[in-house]
Amino acid sequence: MKLKITSILLLAVIASFSFIAFTPKADVYKVDVTKSSITWEAKKTGGGHNGTVDLSEGTLAFNGKKLAQGGFIADMTTIKDAGRNAGLEKHLKADDFFGVDKFAKSSFVIKKVDGSGPTFTVTGDLMIKGVSTSITFPVNVVWNADKTITATADKITVDRTKYGIKFKSKSVFADLGDNFIYDEFNFSVKLVAAK
C-alpha cells in the first residue's frame, strides 16, 4: 500500500514537471521608439500645459495574444511643452519637477495582467525621480496587418507628490491661495512593437 501511494505521488510530481516544461515561452516584441509616443497633460488654476516625452526603449511579451509582460523607459531629458515654452521646459527639467540631471530616466514595468484582450488591465511599477509606486490602468492591444502590435493606454492619472514633486502643490503648501498646480497629471502611452 505504501509503495502504491509513493508511486502515485511520484507520477503526480513527474506530470507536474512535464506540464511546466511544456508551458509555451512568451513571444517578445521590441518597441519601435520612432513610431511610439508618450504625451502628458498637467493643470493649474486658470489653465494648464501639455506636451511629449520621448521613449528610450521598451518591450511587450505575449502568450499567444494575451499580454504577459513588458515595460518601457522614458527619456526625461526630452520633455517638451506643446506650446514651445522654453522657460517651462527648463523648469520641468529642474529639481522642482523631474530633476533630469540626476534622474534622466523614468520607467514602467508590468507586474500583473488581467483580462483576455483586446483590453487588458495592467498593474505595474512606475518609477519617477528614483521613486517607484504601483499603478493600474487599462491597455488596448491591436494586432496590425503588418505583424506589428499597437498597445495604447489613454489618460493614466498620476499623483506627482508620491514621487517627491511638490512644487506649488496645494496639498503640501496651504498658503498658495489660487496660485497652485494640481497634484495629479495625466499621461498617455502608445507603443508600436514588432518581433
N, C-alpha and C. Protein backbone atom coordinates (compact mmCIF):
# COMPACT_ATOMS: atom_id res chain seq x y z
N MET A 1 0.83 -1.20 0.00
CA MET A 1 0.00 0.00 0.00
C MET A 1 0.87 1.26 0.00
N LYS A 2 1.93 1.22 0.86
CA LYS A 2 2.84 2.37 0.96
C LYS A 2 3.54 2.60 -0.37
N LEU A 3 3.94 1.50 -1.03
CA LEU A 3 4.60 1.59 -2.33
C LEU A 3 3.66 2.16 -3.38
N LYS A 4 2.39 1.80 -3.33
CA LYS A 4 1.40 2.30 -4.28
C LYS A 4 1.21 3.82 -4.13
N ILE A 5 1.12 4.31 -2.88
CA ILE A 5 0.96 5.75 -2.62
C ILE A 5 2.19 6.50 -3.09
N THR A 6 3.37 5.94 -2.81
CA THR A 6 4.62 6.58 -3.24
C THR A 6 4.68 6.65 -4.77
N SER A 7 4.27 5.59 -5.44
CA SER A 7 4.25 5.57 -6.91
C SER A 7 3.30 6.62 -7.47
N ILE A 8 2.14 6.77 -6.87
CA ILE A 8 1.16 7.76 -7.32
C ILE A 8 1.71 9.17 -7.13
N LEU A 9 2.33 9.43 -5.97
CA LEU A 9 2.92 10.75 -5.72
C LEU A 9 4.04 11.05 -6.71
N LEU A 10 4.87 10.04 -7.00
CA LEU A 10 5.96 10.21 -7.95
C LEU A 10 5.42 10.54 -9.34
N LEU A 11 4.39 9.85 -9.76
CA LEU A 11 3.76 10.13 -11.06
C LEU A 11 3.18 11.55 -11.10
N ALA A 12 2.57 11.98 -10.00
CA ALA A 12 2.00 13.34 -9.94
C ALA A 12 3.08 14.39 -10.06
N VAL A 13 4.22 14.16 -9.38
CA VAL A 13 5.34 15.11 -9.46
C VAL A 13 5.90 15.17 -10.87
N ILE A 14 6.09 14.00 -11.50
CA ILE A 14 6.61 13.95 -12.88
C ILE A 14 5.64 14.64 -13.83
N ALA A 15 4.35 14.42 -13.65
CA ALA A 15 3.34 15.05 -14.52
C ALA A 15 3.36 16.56 -14.37
N SER A 16 3.52 17.04 -13.13
CA SER A 16 3.54 18.49 -12.93
C SER A 16 4.78 19.11 -13.56
N PHE A 17 5.93 18.42 -13.45
CA PHE A 17 7.15 18.93 -14.09
C PHE A 17 7.01 18.92 -15.61
N SER A 18 6.35 17.91 -16.15
CA SER A 18 6.13 17.84 -17.59
C SER A 18 5.26 19.00 -18.06
N PHE A 19 4.23 19.32 -17.27
CA PHE A 19 3.35 20.43 -17.62
C PHE A 19 4.12 21.75 -17.62
N ILE A 20 4.95 21.93 -16.60
CA ILE A 20 5.76 23.16 -16.52
C ILE A 20 6.73 23.23 -17.68
N ALA A 21 7.34 22.12 -18.03
CA ALA A 21 8.34 22.09 -19.11
C ALA A 21 7.72 22.47 -20.45
N PHE A 22 6.41 22.20 -20.63
CA PHE A 22 5.78 22.46 -21.92
C PHE A 22 4.96 23.75 -21.92
N THR A 23 5.12 24.57 -20.88
CA THR A 23 4.46 25.88 -20.88
C THR A 23 5.06 26.71 -22.00
N PRO A 24 4.24 27.26 -22.89
CA PRO A 24 4.80 27.99 -24.02
C PRO A 24 5.58 29.22 -23.58
N LYS A 25 6.69 29.46 -24.26
CA LYS A 25 7.52 30.63 -23.98
C LYS A 25 6.86 31.86 -24.59
N ALA A 26 6.92 32.96 -23.85
CA ALA A 26 6.31 34.19 -24.33
C ALA A 26 7.05 34.73 -25.54
N ASP A 27 6.30 35.28 -26.51
CA ASP A 27 6.89 35.95 -27.67
C ASP A 27 7.17 37.39 -27.29
N VAL A 28 8.42 37.83 -27.48
CA VAL A 28 8.82 39.18 -27.09
C VAL A 28 8.85 40.09 -28.31
N TYR A 29 8.19 41.23 -28.17
CA TYR A 29 8.14 42.25 -29.23
C TYR A 29 8.91 43.48 -28.75
N LYS A 30 9.76 44.00 -29.61
CA LYS A 30 10.55 45.19 -29.26
C LYS A 30 9.82 46.44 -29.72
N VAL A 31 9.77 47.43 -28.84
CA VAL A 31 9.08 48.69 -29.15
C VAL A 31 9.90 49.51 -30.13
N ASP A 32 9.25 49.98 -31.19
CA ASP A 32 9.87 50.90 -32.15
C ASP A 32 9.65 52.32 -31.62
N VAL A 33 10.71 52.91 -31.06
CA VAL A 33 10.55 54.22 -30.40
C VAL A 33 10.23 55.33 -31.40
N THR A 34 10.54 55.12 -32.68
CA THR A 34 10.24 56.15 -33.69
C THR A 34 8.75 56.19 -34.03
N LYS A 35 8.03 55.11 -33.75
CA LYS A 35 6.59 55.05 -34.04
C LYS A 35 5.74 55.13 -32.77
N SER A 36 6.39 55.18 -31.62
CA SER A 36 5.71 55.16 -30.33
C SER A 36 5.75 56.55 -29.70
N SER A 37 4.91 56.77 -28.69
CA SER A 37 4.86 58.12 -28.11
C SER A 37 4.37 58.11 -26.67
N ILE A 38 4.78 59.16 -25.94
CA ILE A 38 4.23 59.47 -24.62
C ILE A 38 3.80 60.93 -24.67
N THR A 39 2.56 61.18 -24.29
CA THR A 39 2.07 62.56 -24.18
C THR A 39 1.65 62.80 -22.74
N TRP A 40 1.72 64.05 -22.30
CA TRP A 40 1.35 64.39 -20.92
C TRP A 40 0.48 65.64 -20.89
N GLU A 41 -0.25 65.78 -19.77
CA GLU A 41 -1.10 66.95 -19.56
C GLU A 41 -1.13 67.25 -18.06
N ALA A 42 -0.87 68.51 -17.70
CA ALA A 42 -0.92 68.95 -16.31
C ALA A 42 -1.77 70.21 -16.22
N LYS A 43 -2.48 70.38 -15.11
CA LYS A 43 -3.38 71.53 -14.96
C LYS A 43 -3.00 72.36 -13.75
N LYS A 44 -3.29 73.65 -13.87
CA LYS A 44 -3.13 74.58 -12.77
C LYS A 44 -4.35 75.49 -12.77
N THR A 45 -4.48 76.33 -11.75
CA THR A 45 -5.63 77.24 -11.73
C THR A 45 -5.54 78.17 -12.94
N GLY A 46 -6.61 78.22 -13.67
CA GLY A 46 -6.66 79.11 -14.84
C GLY A 46 -5.99 78.56 -16.09
N GLY A 47 -5.68 77.29 -16.14
CA GLY A 47 -5.08 76.77 -17.37
C GLY A 47 -4.34 75.46 -17.18
N GLY A 48 -3.35 75.26 -18.01
CA GLY A 48 -2.58 74.03 -17.96
C GLY A 48 -1.60 73.95 -19.11
N HIS A 49 -0.89 72.84 -19.16
CA HIS A 49 0.11 72.61 -20.21
C HIS A 49 0.03 71.16 -20.66
N ASN A 50 0.51 70.89 -21.86
CA ASN A 50 0.63 69.53 -22.34
C ASN A 50 1.84 69.43 -23.25
N GLY A 51 2.30 68.20 -23.47
CA GLY A 51 3.47 68.02 -24.31
C GLY A 51 3.84 66.56 -24.48
N THR A 52 5.10 66.31 -24.72
CA THR A 52 5.58 64.96 -25.03
C THR A 52 6.86 64.64 -24.26
N VAL A 53 7.16 63.34 -24.20
CA VAL A 53 8.43 62.82 -23.71
C VAL A 53 8.79 61.67 -24.64
N ASP A 54 10.06 61.59 -25.04
CA ASP A 54 10.49 60.51 -25.94
C ASP A 54 10.72 59.21 -25.18
N LEU A 55 10.45 58.11 -25.87
CA LEU A 55 10.76 56.78 -25.33
C LEU A 55 12.21 56.42 -25.67
N SER A 56 12.88 55.73 -24.73
CA SER A 56 14.24 55.23 -24.98
C SER A 56 14.20 53.80 -25.49
N GLU A 57 13.34 52.99 -24.88
CA GLU A 57 13.22 51.57 -25.25
C GLU A 57 11.98 50.98 -24.60
N GLY A 58 11.66 49.76 -25.02
CA GLY A 58 10.53 49.06 -24.42
C GLY A 58 10.33 47.70 -25.04
N THR A 59 9.63 46.83 -24.33
CA THR A 59 9.29 45.50 -24.84
C THR A 59 7.88 45.13 -24.39
N LEU A 60 7.25 44.26 -25.15
CA LEU A 60 5.97 43.67 -24.78
C LEU A 60 6.09 42.17 -25.03
N ALA A 61 5.61 41.36 -24.10
CA ALA A 61 5.66 39.90 -24.25
C ALA A 61 4.25 39.34 -24.23
N PHE A 62 3.99 38.39 -25.11
CA PHE A 62 2.66 37.80 -25.26
C PHE A 62 2.74 36.28 -25.21
N ASN A 63 1.74 35.69 -24.56
CA ASN A 63 1.50 34.25 -24.67
C ASN A 63 0.30 34.12 -25.60
N GLY A 64 0.58 33.76 -26.85
CA GLY A 64 -0.46 33.81 -27.88
C GLY A 64 -0.82 35.26 -28.10
N LYS A 65 -2.09 35.61 -27.87
CA LYS A 65 -2.50 37.02 -28.00
C LYS A 65 -2.79 37.66 -26.64
N LYS A 66 -2.34 37.00 -25.58
CA LYS A 66 -2.53 37.55 -24.22
C LYS A 66 -1.26 38.26 -23.78
N LEU A 67 -1.42 39.53 -23.43
CA LEU A 67 -0.30 40.30 -22.90
C LEU A 67 0.16 39.66 -21.60
N ALA A 68 1.48 39.44 -21.48
CA ALA A 68 2.02 38.75 -20.30
C ALA A 68 2.98 39.63 -19.50
N GLN A 69 3.85 40.35 -20.18
CA GLN A 69 4.87 41.15 -19.52
C GLN A 69 5.21 42.35 -20.39
N GLY A 70 6.10 43.18 -19.87
CA GLY A 70 6.59 44.29 -20.68
C GLY A 70 6.92 45.50 -19.85
N GLY A 71 7.26 46.56 -20.56
CA GLY A 71 7.59 47.81 -19.90
C GLY A 71 8.25 48.76 -20.88
N PHE A 72 8.55 49.96 -20.39
CA PHE A 72 9.21 50.95 -21.23
C PHE A 72 10.03 51.90 -20.38
N ILE A 73 10.97 52.58 -21.03
CA ILE A 73 11.78 53.61 -20.38
C ILE A 73 11.59 54.91 -21.14
N ALA A 74 11.35 55.99 -20.38
CA ALA A 74 11.18 57.32 -20.97
C ALA A 74 12.43 58.15 -20.69
N ASP A 75 12.84 58.90 -21.70
CA ASP A 75 13.99 59.80 -21.57
C ASP A 75 13.48 61.17 -21.12
N MET A 76 13.59 61.45 -19.83
CA MET A 76 13.02 62.68 -19.27
C MET A 76 13.76 63.93 -19.74
N THR A 77 14.95 63.79 -20.27
CA THR A 77 15.69 64.95 -20.79
C THR A 77 15.03 65.51 -22.05
N THR A 78 14.09 64.74 -22.63
CA THR A 78 13.44 65.17 -23.88
C THR A 78 12.06 65.78 -23.63
N ILE A 79 11.69 66.03 -22.38
CA ILE A 79 10.36 66.56 -22.09
C ILE A 79 10.14 67.87 -22.84
N LYS A 80 9.00 67.95 -23.52
CA LYS A 80 8.68 69.13 -24.34
C LYS A 80 7.30 69.64 -23.99
N ASP A 81 7.13 70.96 -24.11
CA ASP A 81 5.84 71.61 -23.96
C ASP A 81 5.28 71.85 -25.35
N ALA A 82 4.02 71.48 -25.56
CA ALA A 82 3.40 71.65 -26.89
C ALA A 82 3.38 73.11 -27.32
N GLY A 83 3.34 74.03 -26.36
CA GLY A 83 3.34 75.46 -26.68
C GLY A 83 4.74 76.02 -26.92
N ARG A 84 5.73 75.16 -26.92
CA ARG A 84 7.14 75.54 -27.16
C ARG A 84 7.63 76.61 -26.19
N ASN A 85 7.21 76.47 -24.94
CA ASN A 85 7.62 77.41 -23.90
C ASN A 85 8.96 76.93 -23.33
N ALA A 86 10.06 77.53 -23.79
CA ALA A 86 11.40 77.11 -23.40
C ALA A 86 11.63 77.26 -21.90
N GLY A 87 11.06 78.32 -21.31
CA GLY A 87 11.19 78.53 -19.87
C GLY A 87 10.53 77.43 -19.07
N LEU A 88 9.33 77.02 -19.51
CA LEU A 88 8.62 75.93 -18.84
C LEU A 88 9.39 74.62 -18.98
N GLU A 89 9.90 74.34 -20.18
CA GLU A 89 10.66 73.11 -20.39
C GLU A 89 11.87 73.05 -19.47
N LYS A 90 12.57 74.17 -19.34
CA LYS A 90 13.74 74.23 -18.46
C LYS A 90 13.33 73.98 -17.01
N HIS A 91 12.19 74.55 -16.59
CA HIS A 91 11.71 74.36 -15.23
C HIS A 91 11.29 72.91 -14.99
N LEU A 92 10.64 72.27 -15.97
CA LEU A 92 10.23 70.87 -15.83
C LEU A 92 11.44 69.95 -15.67
N LYS A 93 12.57 70.33 -16.27
CA LYS A 93 13.80 69.53 -16.16
C LYS A 93 14.55 69.79 -14.85
N ALA A 94 14.20 70.88 -14.15
CA ALA A 94 14.89 71.26 -12.91
C ALA A 94 14.41 70.41 -11.74
N ASP A 95 15.06 70.59 -10.59
CA ASP A 95 14.75 69.79 -9.41
C ASP A 95 13.34 70.01 -8.88
N ASP A 96 12.73 71.18 -9.13
CA ASP A 96 11.34 71.42 -8.71
C ASP A 96 10.40 70.35 -9.26
N PHE A 97 10.73 69.87 -10.46
CA PHE A 97 9.89 68.87 -11.11
C PHE A 97 10.65 67.55 -11.30
N PHE A 98 11.20 67.28 -12.46
CA PHE A 98 11.73 65.94 -12.74
C PHE A 98 13.23 65.77 -12.48
N GLY A 99 13.97 66.84 -12.23
CA GLY A 99 15.38 66.73 -11.87
C GLY A 99 16.18 65.85 -12.81
N VAL A 100 16.12 66.17 -14.10
CA VAL A 100 16.65 65.26 -15.12
C VAL A 100 18.17 65.12 -15.08
N ASP A 101 18.89 66.06 -14.47
CA ASP A 101 20.34 65.90 -14.37
C ASP A 101 20.68 64.66 -13.54
N LYS A 102 19.88 64.40 -12.52
CA LYS A 102 20.10 63.23 -11.66
C LYS A 102 19.22 62.05 -12.06
N PHE A 103 18.01 62.35 -12.52
CA PHE A 103 17.05 61.28 -12.85
C PHE A 103 16.64 61.40 -14.32
N ALA A 104 17.53 61.01 -15.21
CA ALA A 104 17.30 61.18 -16.65
C ALA A 104 16.25 60.22 -17.20
N LYS A 105 15.98 59.13 -16.49
CA LYS A 105 15.05 58.12 -16.99
C LYS A 105 13.89 57.91 -16.02
N SER A 106 12.72 57.71 -16.57
CA SER A 106 11.56 57.20 -15.83
C SER A 106 11.19 55.87 -16.49
N SER A 107 10.52 55.00 -15.76
CA SER A 107 10.21 53.69 -16.34
C SER A 107 8.91 53.12 -15.79
N PHE A 108 8.38 52.16 -16.54
CA PHE A 108 7.22 51.40 -16.10
C PHE A 108 7.48 49.93 -16.40
N VAL A 109 7.23 49.05 -15.41
CA VAL A 109 7.42 47.61 -15.58
C VAL A 109 6.13 46.91 -15.18
N ILE A 110 5.59 46.09 -16.08
CA ILE A 110 4.37 45.33 -15.81
C ILE A 110 4.65 44.24 -14.78
N LYS A 111 3.80 44.17 -13.75
CA LYS A 111 3.90 43.13 -12.73
C LYS A 111 2.73 42.14 -12.80
N LYS A 112 1.57 42.60 -13.31
CA LYS A 112 0.38 41.74 -13.36
C LYS A 112 -0.50 42.18 -14.51
N VAL A 113 -1.10 41.20 -15.19
CA VAL A 113 -2.02 41.48 -16.30
C VAL A 113 -3.30 40.69 -16.09
N ASP A 114 -4.44 41.37 -16.16
CA ASP A 114 -5.74 40.72 -16.08
C ASP A 114 -6.50 40.95 -17.38
N GLY A 115 -7.36 40.00 -17.74
CA GLY A 115 -8.16 40.12 -18.94
C GLY A 115 -7.64 39.24 -20.05
N SER A 116 -8.49 39.06 -21.06
CA SER A 116 -8.13 38.18 -22.17
C SER A 116 -7.97 38.93 -23.48
N GLY A 117 -8.14 40.25 -23.46
CA GLY A 117 -7.92 41.06 -24.64
C GLY A 117 -9.19 41.29 -25.44
N PRO A 118 -9.22 42.25 -26.32
CA PRO A 118 -8.07 43.10 -26.65
C PRO A 118 -7.75 44.15 -25.60
N THR A 119 -8.62 44.34 -24.57
CA THR A 119 -8.30 45.29 -23.50
C THR A 119 -7.89 44.51 -22.25
N PHE A 120 -6.73 44.88 -21.72
CA PHE A 120 -6.18 44.25 -20.53
C PHE A 120 -6.10 45.28 -19.41
N THR A 121 -6.17 44.81 -18.17
CA THR A 121 -5.91 45.68 -17.01
C THR A 121 -4.51 45.36 -16.52
N VAL A 122 -3.65 46.36 -16.56
CA VAL A 122 -2.24 46.18 -16.25
C VAL A 122 -1.91 46.85 -14.91
N THR A 123 -1.18 46.15 -14.07
CA THR A 123 -0.66 46.70 -12.83
C THR A 123 0.86 46.60 -12.89
N GLY A 124 1.53 47.67 -12.51
CA GLY A 124 2.98 47.64 -12.56
C GLY A 124 3.60 48.76 -11.76
N ASP A 125 4.93 48.81 -11.81
CA ASP A 125 5.69 49.80 -11.05
C ASP A 125 6.11 50.95 -11.96
N LEU A 126 5.64 52.15 -11.61
CA LEU A 126 6.04 53.37 -12.31
C LEU A 126 7.12 54.05 -11.48
N MET A 127 8.28 54.28 -12.08
CA MET A 127 9.38 54.93 -11.38
C MET A 127 9.63 56.32 -11.96
N ILE A 128 9.56 57.33 -11.10
CA ILE A 128 9.86 58.71 -11.45
C ILE A 128 10.76 59.27 -10.35
N LYS A 129 11.84 59.93 -10.73
CA LYS A 129 12.79 60.52 -9.77
C LYS A 129 13.29 59.48 -8.77
N GLY A 130 13.49 58.25 -9.22
CA GLY A 130 14.02 57.20 -8.36
C GLY A 130 13.03 56.60 -7.40
N VAL A 131 11.76 57.05 -7.45
CA VAL A 131 10.71 56.54 -6.56
C VAL A 131 9.78 55.67 -7.38
N SER A 132 9.50 54.47 -6.87
CA SER A 132 8.65 53.52 -7.59
C SER A 132 7.35 53.29 -6.82
N THR A 133 6.20 53.44 -7.50
CA THR A 133 4.91 53.13 -6.90
C THR A 133 4.09 52.29 -7.88
N SER A 134 3.16 51.53 -7.34
CA SER A 134 2.31 50.66 -8.16
C SER A 134 1.12 51.45 -8.70
N ILE A 135 0.85 51.28 -10.00
CA ILE A 135 -0.33 51.89 -10.62
C ILE A 135 -1.03 50.85 -11.47
N THR A 136 -2.32 51.06 -11.71
CA THR A 136 -3.14 50.14 -12.51
C THR A 136 -3.91 50.95 -13.54
N PHE A 137 -3.95 50.46 -14.78
CA PHE A 137 -4.68 51.16 -15.84
C PHE A 137 -4.99 50.19 -16.98
N PRO A 138 -5.98 50.52 -17.83
CA PRO A 138 -6.32 49.66 -18.96
C PRO A 138 -5.39 49.89 -20.15
N VAL A 139 -5.12 48.81 -20.88
CA VAL A 139 -4.30 48.86 -22.10
C VAL A 139 -5.08 48.16 -23.21
N ASN A 140 -5.20 48.82 -24.35
CA ASN A 140 -5.85 48.21 -25.50
C ASN A 140 -4.79 47.75 -26.49
N VAL A 141 -4.89 46.51 -26.94
CA VAL A 141 -3.90 45.92 -27.86
C VAL A 141 -4.54 45.62 -29.21
N VAL A 142 -3.89 46.08 -30.27
CA VAL A 142 -4.35 45.82 -31.64
C VAL A 142 -3.25 45.07 -32.39
N TRP A 143 -3.64 43.97 -33.04
CA TRP A 143 -2.70 43.20 -33.87
C TRP A 143 -2.84 43.74 -35.30
N ASN A 144 -1.78 44.36 -35.80
CA ASN A 144 -1.83 45.04 -37.09
C ASN A 144 -1.54 44.08 -38.24
N ALA A 145 -1.99 44.46 -39.44
CA ALA A 145 -1.81 43.63 -40.64
C ALA A 145 -0.32 43.41 -40.98
N ASP A 146 0.54 44.37 -40.60
CA ASP A 146 1.98 44.23 -40.91
C ASP A 146 2.73 43.44 -39.83
N LYS A 147 1.99 42.73 -38.97
CA LYS A 147 2.52 41.88 -37.91
C LYS A 147 3.14 42.66 -36.75
N THR A 148 2.87 43.96 -36.69
CA THR A 148 3.25 44.73 -35.51
C THR A 148 2.08 44.72 -34.53
N ILE A 149 2.37 45.18 -33.33
CA ILE A 149 1.35 45.29 -32.29
C ILE A 149 1.31 46.74 -31.83
N THR A 150 0.11 47.28 -31.65
CA THR A 150 -0.03 48.61 -31.08
C THR A 150 -0.75 48.48 -29.74
N ALA A 151 -0.09 48.92 -28.68
CA ALA A 151 -0.67 48.92 -27.34
C ALA A 151 -0.84 50.37 -26.89
N THR A 152 -2.07 50.73 -26.53
CA THR A 152 -2.33 52.12 -26.12
C THR A 152 -2.96 52.16 -24.73
N ALA A 153 -2.51 53.14 -23.96
CA ALA A 153 -3.09 53.41 -22.64
C ALA A 153 -3.37 54.91 -22.60
N ASP A 154 -4.64 55.27 -22.52
CA ASP A 154 -5.04 56.68 -22.54
C ASP A 154 -5.31 57.19 -21.13
N LYS A 155 -4.84 58.39 -20.87
CA LYS A 155 -5.15 59.13 -19.65
C LYS A 155 -4.86 58.33 -18.38
N ILE A 156 -3.59 57.99 -18.19
CA ILE A 156 -3.13 57.38 -16.94
C ILE A 156 -2.93 58.52 -15.94
N THR A 157 -3.61 58.46 -14.81
CA THR A 157 -3.54 59.54 -13.83
C THR A 157 -2.51 59.21 -12.74
N VAL A 158 -1.64 60.19 -12.47
CA VAL A 158 -0.55 60.01 -11.51
C VAL A 158 -0.53 61.18 -10.53
N ASP A 159 -0.36 60.89 -9.26
CA ASP A 159 -0.18 61.91 -8.23
C ASP A 159 1.31 62.21 -8.11
N ARG A 160 1.71 63.38 -8.57
CA ARG A 160 3.14 63.73 -8.62
C ARG A 160 3.79 63.82 -7.24
N THR A 161 2.99 64.13 -6.20
CA THR A 161 3.57 64.27 -4.86
C THR A 161 4.10 62.93 -4.33
N LYS A 162 3.60 61.81 -4.85
CA LYS A 162 4.10 60.50 -4.43
C LYS A 162 5.53 60.27 -4.90
N TYR A 163 5.96 61.08 -5.86
CA TYR A 163 7.32 60.96 -6.40
C TYR A 163 8.21 62.13 -5.96
N GLY A 164 7.75 62.86 -4.94
CA GLY A 164 8.55 63.96 -4.40
C GLY A 164 8.47 65.24 -5.21
N ILE A 165 7.50 65.35 -6.12
CA ILE A 165 7.34 66.57 -6.93
C ILE A 165 6.26 67.41 -6.26
N LYS A 166 6.70 68.37 -5.44
CA LYS A 166 5.77 69.10 -4.58
C LYS A 166 5.62 70.58 -4.94
N PHE A 167 6.27 71.03 -5.99
CA PHE A 167 6.25 72.44 -6.36
C PHE A 167 4.81 72.93 -6.54
N LYS A 168 4.45 73.99 -5.80
CA LYS A 168 3.12 74.61 -5.84
C LYS A 168 1.97 73.61 -5.67
N SER A 169 2.19 72.61 -4.82
CA SER A 169 1.14 71.65 -4.51
C SER A 169 0.30 72.18 -3.35
N LYS A 170 -0.99 72.30 -3.56
CA LYS A 170 -1.89 72.82 -2.52
C LYS A 170 -1.99 71.84 -1.35
N SER A 171 -1.79 70.57 -1.61
CA SER A 171 -1.86 69.57 -0.52
C SER A 171 -0.61 69.62 0.36
N VAL A 172 0.44 70.25 -0.13
CA VAL A 172 1.70 70.37 0.63
C VAL A 172 1.84 71.77 1.22
N PHE A 173 1.53 72.79 0.43
CA PHE A 173 1.67 74.18 0.84
C PHE A 173 0.29 74.84 0.94
N ALA A 174 -0.17 75.08 2.15
CA ALA A 174 -1.53 75.58 2.37
C ALA A 174 -1.71 77.05 2.01
N ASP A 175 -0.61 77.80 1.90
CA ASP A 175 -0.72 79.25 1.71
C ASP A 175 -0.62 79.70 0.24
N LEU A 176 -0.89 78.82 -0.69
CA LEU A 176 -0.76 79.16 -2.11
C LEU A 176 -1.96 79.93 -2.66
N GLY A 177 -3.05 79.91 -1.95
CA GLY A 177 -4.25 80.57 -2.47
C GLY A 177 -4.68 79.93 -3.77
N ASP A 178 -4.90 80.75 -4.81
CA ASP A 178 -5.27 80.22 -6.13
C ASP A 178 -4.07 79.99 -7.04
N ASN A 179 -2.88 80.17 -6.52
CA ASN A 179 -1.66 80.03 -7.33
C ASN A 179 -1.05 78.64 -7.12
N PHE A 180 -1.78 77.61 -7.54
CA PHE A 180 -1.29 76.26 -7.32
C PHE A 180 -1.39 75.42 -8.59
N ILE A 181 -0.64 74.32 -8.60
CA ILE A 181 -0.68 73.33 -9.69
C ILE A 181 -1.31 72.07 -9.12
N TYR A 182 -2.24 71.49 -9.84
CA TYR A 182 -2.89 70.27 -9.36
C TYR A 182 -1.88 69.15 -9.15
N ASP A 183 -2.11 68.36 -8.11
CA ASP A 183 -1.20 67.25 -7.79
C ASP A 183 -1.21 66.18 -8.88
N GLU A 184 -2.37 65.95 -9.46
CA GLU A 184 -2.48 64.87 -10.45
C GLU A 184 -2.20 65.39 -11.86
N PHE A 185 -1.43 64.61 -12.60
CA PHE A 185 -1.25 64.87 -14.03
C PHE A 185 -1.57 63.59 -14.78
N ASN A 186 -1.84 63.74 -16.07
CA ASN A 186 -2.18 62.58 -16.90
C ASN A 186 -1.12 62.36 -17.97
N PHE A 187 -0.90 61.10 -18.30
CA PHE A 187 -0.09 60.82 -19.47
C PHE A 187 -0.70 59.65 -20.24
N SER A 188 -0.41 59.63 -21.53
CA SER A 188 -0.89 58.56 -22.41
C SER A 188 0.30 57.94 -23.11
N VAL A 189 0.21 56.64 -23.35
CA VAL A 189 1.31 55.91 -23.99
C VAL A 189 0.79 55.14 -25.19
N LYS A 190 1.53 55.23 -26.29
CA LYS A 190 1.27 54.40 -27.47
C LYS A 190 2.55 53.67 -27.80
N LEU A 191 2.52 52.34 -27.74
CA LEU A 191 3.68 51.52 -28.04
C LEU A 191 3.41 50.71 -29.30
N VAL A 192 4.25 50.87 -30.30
CA VAL A 192 4.20 50.06 -31.52
C VAL A 192 5.40 49.13 -31.48
N ALA A 193 5.15 47.83 -31.53
CA ALA A 193 6.22 46.86 -31.33
C ALA A 193 6.18 45.77 -32.39
N ALA A 194 7.35 45.19 -32.65
CA ALA A 194 7.47 44.09 -33.61
C ALA A 194 8.45 43.06 -33.09
N LYS A 195 8.33 41.82 -33.57
CA LYS A 195 9.24 40.75 -33.17
C LYS A 195 10.63 41.00 -33.67
